[in-house]
Amino acid sequence: ETLKGTDLLGLEYDGPFDELTAQKGIRHVVIAWDEVSDSDGTGIVHIAPGCGKEDFALSKENDIAVIAPIDEFGNYLEGFDWLTGKNVQSIAPDIFSSLKEKGILYKRDQITHRYPTCWRHGTELVFRLVDEWFISMDELRHEIAEVVDDIQWIPAWGRERELDWLRNMHDWMISKKRYWGLSLPIWVCDACGHFEVIGGKEELKKRAVKGWEDFEGHSPHKPYIDKVEIACSKCGGVSRRIPDVGNPWLDAGIVPYSTLGYLSNREYWKQWFPADFVTESLPGQFRNWFYSLLAMSTVLEKKAPFKTLLGHALVKDEHGNDMHKSAGNAIWFEDAADKMGVDVMRWIFTAHNPENNLNFGYGPADEIRKKLLTLWNMYSFYITYADLDEYNPVTGKVDRDSLTDLDRWALSKVYTFVKEAREDYDSYHVERLMRKFELLLDILSNWYVRRSRRRFWKSENDSDKLAAYFTLYTALKNIILTMAPIIPFVAEEIYQNMVLSVDKNAPESIHLNPFPEADESCIDEALSERIDTIIKIVELGRSARNKANIRTRQPLSNIIVKPARKSEREHILALKDQILEELNIKDVTLTENPQDYIRFVIKPNYKLLGQKLGKDMPVVARALAELNADETAEKVRRGESIRVKGYTLEPSEIQVNMEEQPNLAAVEDKGYFLALNTDLTPELKDEGLIRDLIRHIQTLRKDAGFRVEDRIHLGIQGPDPVKRAVQAHQDYLMTETLADELSETVDYPEATKALKLDGAEISMMIKRLSKEGTGNG
């Protein structure tokens, strides 16, 4: 007979184990449940209200008898006859045999489904119904919700997550069937069942009728507190403490009150309440510690227990997998501290957005170490030349009028960083601070220090050189003072060698200094905008060189630039020389019409549109090609969709390719356009050759162990084109290599090198000169 499920509702049936003593008198009935799947299985589920959360809830709704069959070890209790004493993990074969003997086993099969396991051992878990103690949250949840709005939540969505938990939470279960833990101060009368909560040791001592002597002098934990009996306030009978201990989060939530003298010294407690900051891992804490703290504080003070909460995600291995000792991918702190360094570790954690999981490992650490080396290299550069020139920032005062625009720009950037860093620290957005720090290191190292090198190299200690020293020292000092909380060891090392070594009145440790104050008079936004524009143009120029595969040492004739804003045209013209020098270019041309140098080609993104367009792909491709390419490219850049041949194409579904005129390499970014003239004349090639020679000579000096300040006799041999290039650029070549003498040969050279440049065989040789220019140094 075939029946619909609805036809079975309300029918009673015989259970498969009605013969068990515990099953006597139990009524079995068919009910409807939306949790039963109709996509797999039989569409029928036999529920166990004593062994499942959802099953128990369903039994309460339908007034179904509840049987709790197992103890805390998963063994069947008395009343289950041949099952009694057997463990649920090993009973399946016996169950199947019993069903088969009764002739009611329809089919035996193995299926795969999700099942809870122990996080530590991986063994399967079973649910067990037991009596517990709860705090009713019906009214309290609304009071807690009001307190939630008094807290700064990081990330901001944490607020809504906590409110969602409060809206949907059940009553708070506060008991555990354990031995260790907070002994719940609840006494229940043996005679009438009346229960009472005892408020403290003094109250317990007054109420005790037995066992106080056994308890006195001990902490309120098992087994001592269980010795104490009190008289029931309702019937006078004997009341004993319940065997349960408290949920650990109940204990954790009372910390702001239990540890700071809330009951004994309220004025002292007020000095510490509320806490400025708490932090914990996000998963689970909205319904555990965060919730516990909020509940306790709302009940006792109607106030939030903390001002700011930072919730962070999890630490994974560098591939995004959970770390486990058994998997071999766990990294212990001691190993990481030794191999990557603790400052690198701190950088990794602080630079990461805490709401996302952090992929931690030695690979990511290597990338951070390179950034940290940028700071160290700037410090090393400064200290090397400051020692040579015996520069002392304490006594070497500098007239602010002697500072160049480059100096003022660097100081403006540094003090802007110091100012914003204080705001980021105060608001606990340290990852935002780290992004600014990394950007600051990059622009100071790759722009200020690199463009100021010749000022440090020159022999005379004039005002310009002193201004460079002052600027770099001021920048480094403010940076390490600002970043000391995050990179304490590197910052301390730099401080000891760079600051304390020359300023005996400075605090003996960087961590004894106050946080630096930004010198607002040095912050010049207009100057920052001018130089930032130049840096952007230089970055685009380098991108164009990379696109054309032409090294920076090779001079080129011209670049064509369209800035993103008209005001930037003046910046480019005013600081044109810096662009020419940085990009090794002879001239800059400004344009308002990039289309004079490039054209756009519009095509469909075949990979994304194949299924969407099908056989219409060729038709749509032709239609796109016939559109106004400039207008279409601009719409795609703005994120607008394009309607063509009845289809709406999203920006990601359209490819905008840029094609340049011959001998041009063009790039675009955020409204900027730059085209590089890649045509090489013989004169440009000669100059490029000289720059390559300089690089190899500098390497030769370093490999030979020459000091930075050593002057040299330089010898270069090569074919006529090389000789012509050397003669044409002799002064530049000698200045850059600190050569006082230049010839084709050198007597008794200290270092030599043979190389091939642009097909020419070249030999180089160098020898140190004394300060007078004769003999070896």
Foldseek 3Di string as FASTA:
>chain_A
DDDDLVVQFFDWDDDLQCVFQVNPPFTHGDHDDPVQDPPDDDSDDDAALFWDDVSVVVCVVVVHDHDFQADPQQQGDPRRPPRGRPHPVPCVVVVVVSCVVVVNDPDDDDDDDDFDADPVPRHGDIGGDDDFDFAACPPVLVLLLVQLVQAAEVVNCLSVVLNVCSVPPGTGGWWDQDQDAAQFQWWAFPPPRDIDHQDDDVSLVVFWPFQPVQQPPHDCGPPRVQRTWGQDPPPRGIITGDNIHTDVLLVLLCVLQPPQQVPNDVVRSVVCFQPAEDEDAPPPVSVGNLVNVSSVCCVPPSHRSYHYYHHFHEEDALVRHRDDVVVVRDDDPVNCCVPLNVLLVLLQVLLDSRHDYRHDDPVVSVVSVVLVVLLVVLLVLLLQLCVVVVDFLVPLDADPVLADLLLLLLLQLLLVLLVVLVVCVSSVNRSVSSVSLSVNSCCCRVPVCVVCVVLSQDDDPDNNNSSSSNSSLVSSLLSLLSCCVNRVPVSFVSCVSRPCVRDVPDPPTSVVDDRDHRPVVSNDVVSNVLVVLLVVVLVQLVVLCVVVVHDQLQAAEEKEKEDQDPVNVVSCVVPVVVSCVSSNYNYYHYDPDCVVWKFKAKAFQCVVCCVVQPPCRVVQRVQRRPDRLVVVVVCLVVFHWDDDPNDTHTSVGMDIDMGGDPQWRWDDDDRMIMIGRNDDDLLSVLSSVLSVVLVVLVVQCVVLPHDPNWAKAKAKDWDPSNVVSCVVCVVVSCVSNNYPHYYNDDPPFSTKDWDADPRITMIMTMATADPVRHDHD
